[in-house]
Structures are given as structure tokens and as C-alpha cells.
Amino acid sequence: MGEISKRTGELGEEAGYRFLERIGWINGQRGLSIPCNDSLKHPNRETHGIDYLKLYACPLIQQRLVNAVVSIKATSDYTKYPNSKLKSHLKELSDICSCYNRSNEKIGIGEQFMQDSFESESIIGVLL
């Protein structure tokens, strides 16, 4: 059973990556792992996984850098309680964004954009 679930997740991630490429989100980073920076709120986590990370200049607000943190979820069967599953996925994505905001990885990845002198930045969570 675990192998089927793992394979379903891998196929779902690959489909998610293809979707992101189709909408023009190329040259992002796949499969990042960041340390958990809030052991009080996330007591059972040492790291968080980011399926895809895309940084880009916001097309609507000048001088704003957007950090898009993407989490891809896939399952082979429909859950009996979809609302609670969605809530769980959104909570996990919120936790990932929170820890990413305080991570060294964010600083390192964002340095390549510092030459463009952004005045502000946003971190958005995208659930696929």
C-alpha cells in the first residue's frame, strides 16, 4: 500500500511540474528542504519540504519580489472528508511558508535578485 501511495505522489508531482512549466514558471527550484524554525508550533518536524520554489518580480506592484512556495498534493482515491484534508494541506503550506520566511535558504536564494533593488517582498503559498 505504501508503494502505491509513494508512486501516486511522484506522478502527481511530475504532473504539477508540467503544469507549472505550461504557465511559464520555468527555472524554479525543485525539491528544497528547509529546517523547521518553530519547534513550538511544529513539534514533530525537523524539516519542511518545498516541492517547487519560484521567485519573480511582481507584475502588478513595482519593486516587489514574490517568493512562490508550491506544495503539490496527489492521491489515488477521494477522501471521505475533503474539507478536513484541504484544511490540513493549507495548514501545512502555511507552516512551510512561515519557516521559509525565517530560513537561511531564503536569504541565499534571494541574493540573486538583490541587484534589482526590490523595495518589498511577498511570500505566497500555492497548493496544487
Protein backbone atom coordinates (compact mmCIF):
# COMPACT_ATOMS: atom_id res chain seq x y z
CA MET A 1 0.00 0.00 0.00
CA GLY A 2 2.84 2.41 0.83
CA GLU A 3 4.48 1.85 -2.54
CA ILE A 4 1.27 2.74 -4.38
CA SER A 5 0.88 5.92 -2.33
CA LYS A 6 4.51 6.90 -2.96
CA ARG A 7 4.16 6.28 -6.70
CA THR A 8 0.93 8.29 -6.82
CA GLY A 9 2.70 11.19 -5.10
CA GLU A 10 5.60 11.03 -7.57
CA LEU A 11 3.23 11.01 -10.55
CA GLY A 12 1.27 13.91 -9.05
CA GLU A 13 4.45 15.93 -8.54
CA GLU A 14 5.54 15.32 -12.12
CA ALA A 15 2.11 16.43 -13.38
CA GLY A 16 2.37 19.51 -11.16
CA TYR A 17 5.80 20.39 -12.58
CA ARG A 18 4.49 20.04 -16.13
CA PHE A 19 1.55 22.32 -15.27
CA LEU A 20 3.90 24.96 -13.83
CA GLU A 21 6.04 24.81 -16.97
CA ARG A 22 2.95 25.32 -19.14
CA ILE A 23 2.01 28.51 -17.30
CA GLY A 24 5.55 29.82 -17.70
CA TRP A 25 7.02 29.06 -14.29
CA ILE A 26 10.32 27.73 -15.53
CA ASN A 27 13.73 27.90 -13.85
CA GLY A 28 12.31 27.43 -10.38
CA GLN A 29 13.88 25.16 -7.79
CA ARG A 30 12.51 21.68 -7.19
CA GLY A 31 12.58 19.64 -4.02
CA LEU A 32 14.03 22.01 -1.44
CA SER A 33 14.31 21.02 2.19
CA ILE A 34 14.39 23.77 4.81
CA PRO A 35 14.87 23.40 8.56
CA CYS A 36 11.89 23.96 10.81
CA ASN A 37 12.36 27.26 12.66
CA ASP A 38 9.43 26.95 15.05
CA SER A 39 9.61 23.80 17.15
CA LEU A 40 6.82 25.06 19.43
CA LYS A 41 4.23 25.27 16.63
CA HIS A 42 5.61 22.28 14.69
CA PRO A 43 6.83 19.93 17.44
CA ASN A 44 7.11 16.83 15.25
CA ARG A 45 9.03 18.47 12.38
CA GLU A 46 12.74 18.95 11.88
CA THR A 47 12.48 19.98 8.23
CA HIS A 48 9.86 21.09 5.72
CA GLY A 49 9.83 20.12 2.06
CA ILE A 50 9.14 22.64 -0.69
CA ASP A 51 8.09 20.91 -3.90
CA TYR A 52 8.79 23.95 -6.09
CA LEU A 53 10.02 27.48 -5.41
CA LYS A 54 9.70 30.30 -7.92
CA LEU A 55 10.95 33.83 -7.37
CA TYR A 56 9.83 36.57 -9.72
CA ALA A 57 9.19 40.30 -9.95
CA CYS A 58 5.54 41.02 -9.23
CA PRO A 59 3.82 42.15 -12.44
CA LEU A 60 1.22 44.20 -10.52
CA ILE A 61 3.25 46.01 -7.86
CA GLN A 62 6.51 47.67 -8.87
CA GLN A 63 9.67 46.86 -6.92
CA ARG A 64 8.13 43.77 -5.24
CA LEU A 65 9.77 40.35 -5.22
CA VAL A 66 7.41 37.36 -4.97
CA ASN A 67 8.52 34.09 -3.37
CA ALA A 68 6.04 31.46 -4.57
CA VAL A 69 6.22 28.35 -2.37
CA VAL A 70 4.46 25.46 -4.14
CA SER A 71 3.18 22.31 -2.45
CA ILE A 72 1.92 19.53 -4.72
CA LYS A 73 -0.53 17.01 -3.27
CA ALA A 74 -1.80 13.92 -5.08
CA THR A 75 -3.90 10.96 -4.02
CA SER A 76 -5.29 7.98 -5.86
CA ASP A 77 -8.62 7.96 -4.04
CA TYR A 78 -11.12 10.53 -2.91
CA THR A 79 -11.26 11.17 0.79
CA LYS A 80 -14.49 10.89 2.73
CA TYR A 81 -13.84 14.28 4.37
CA PRO A 82 -12.36 16.60 1.71
CA ASN A 83 -12.75 19.77 3.79
CA SER A 84 -10.60 18.48 6.62
CA LYS A 85 -7.99 17.20 4.15
CA LEU A 86 -7.86 20.59 2.40
CA LYS A 87 -7.58 22.35 5.76
CA SER A 88 -4.70 20.05 6.69
CA HIS A 89 -2.88 20.76 3.41
CA LEU A 90 -3.36 24.53 3.80
CA LYS A 91 -2.11 24.43 7.41
CA GLU A 92 0.98 22.52 6.28
CA LEU A 93 1.59 25.05 3.48
CA SER A 94 1.22 27.91 5.96
CA ASP A 95 3.79 26.27 8.25
CA ILE A 96 6.19 25.82 5.33
CA CYS A 97 5.85 29.49 4.30
CA SER A 98 6.38 30.62 7.89
CA CYS A 99 9.60 28.63 8.29
CA TYR A 100 10.79 29.58 4.79
CA ASN A 101 10.42 33.26 5.71
CA ARG A 102 12.96 32.80 8.54
CA SER A 103 15.32 30.42 6.73
CA ASN A 104 18.88 30.89 5.52
CA GLU A 105 17.79 29.37 2.21
CA LYS A 106 15.51 32.36 1.58
CA ILE A 107 18.40 34.74 2.13
CA GLY A 108 20.71 32.75 -0.14
CA ILE A 109 18.17 32.33 -2.93
CA GLY A 110 17.07 35.96 -2.75
CA GLU A 111 20.61 37.33 -3.13
CA GLN A 112 20.47 36.85 -6.89
CA PHE A 113 17.57 39.32 -7.00
CA MET A 114 19.13 41.96 -4.72
CA GLN A 115 20.82 43.70 -7.63
CA ASP A 116 17.34 44.67 -8.87
CA SER A 117 16.74 46.65 -5.64
CA PHE A 118 13.30 45.44 -4.66
CA GLU A 119 11.59 47.56 -2.03
CA SER A 120 9.36 44.81 -0.68
CA GLU A 121 8.66 41.13 -0.96
CA SER A 122 5.79 38.70 -0.59
CA ILE A 123 5.70 35.03 0.23
CA ILE A 124 2.74 33.24 -1.29
CA GLY A 125 1.71 29.64 -0.89
CA VAL A 126 0.44 27.73 -3.91
CA LEU A 127 -1.32 24.41 -3.40
CA LEU A 128 -1.64 22.09 -6.39
